[in-house]
């Protein structure tokens, strides 16, 4: 359980909303009835049942009066202004009407394939985890192909009993997912693996050594060895939840160096790419990278031009 100021600070930074609220209540030591009383003193009426649903994640504040209650909660719990409101979607109240997470259908062009593979593993789409930090290293080979990628991943559980992570790999055109090797690194082991030959999508189950309680973090490493596809021109990562740091590094073989590299963001597949900026290839290590301190639902990536 989250019960220290450091835990609370982290939860307010990475979310989700219900976990941050639960941490604030635990750290301040206030029962819901007392919180309701303090809110009533500010002219805000909200039921104990609603407060309980909010901290459990069963419901999210959406209506104007509920959002006013969240502002009151920030005052009662001694939290920075907008720290809880930001977690509801880090945007406007209209944004809060949408689900907290976007489906993989909107993040990948292979429409429905990932959901189908996940359903075959009998796992919920969100997995009960959200990213606190993710450092990903991608390797591009001499034939301009995706050779492989490695991840160092830190996640936080937002429900009890989570004991696995579903890692998704999508190769470039021509990829044969049956020949892609899944490597489980520290603190995990490979479980079931499913793939779709038509789209080059592979989903691998990474099993933890423990069952997490809500609020607990877990660090693990994993990777994929590919090299089965044709020349690539980009690497993208989809995010279902806001919060957490993401670092992407792409390393090129010295026999196949790109002419130009750029970073970009998208709200969904097919949307206009925004935030484009040039990336300079390091001379010695032949790498480019991006760092995003607080990711938002959508897509981040690096693309490059060969000529």
Foldseek 3Di string as FASTA:
>chain_A
DQADPVLLVLCLFFDQLLCNLVNLCRNQVDQLVRLQVQCVVVVQHDDSVVNVCSNLVVDHDQDPSSVVSVQSSCVVSVHPGCSSVCNCANDDSVVNVDDQFDAVQFADVVHPPVVVVVVVVVADRVLQKAFAEKEKEWEQELQQFGFKMKIKTKIFGQAWFRFKDKDKDFGDAQWALVPKDKFWFPQWDWDDKDDDRVGRMIIIITGGPDIDHHSDMDITMIMIGTPRHHHDFKDKDFHTHKGHKYKYKYFYDPNQAFPWKWKWWAQGPPGDTDPIDTWDQDDPGRMTMDMDGIDGGGMIMMGTHRD
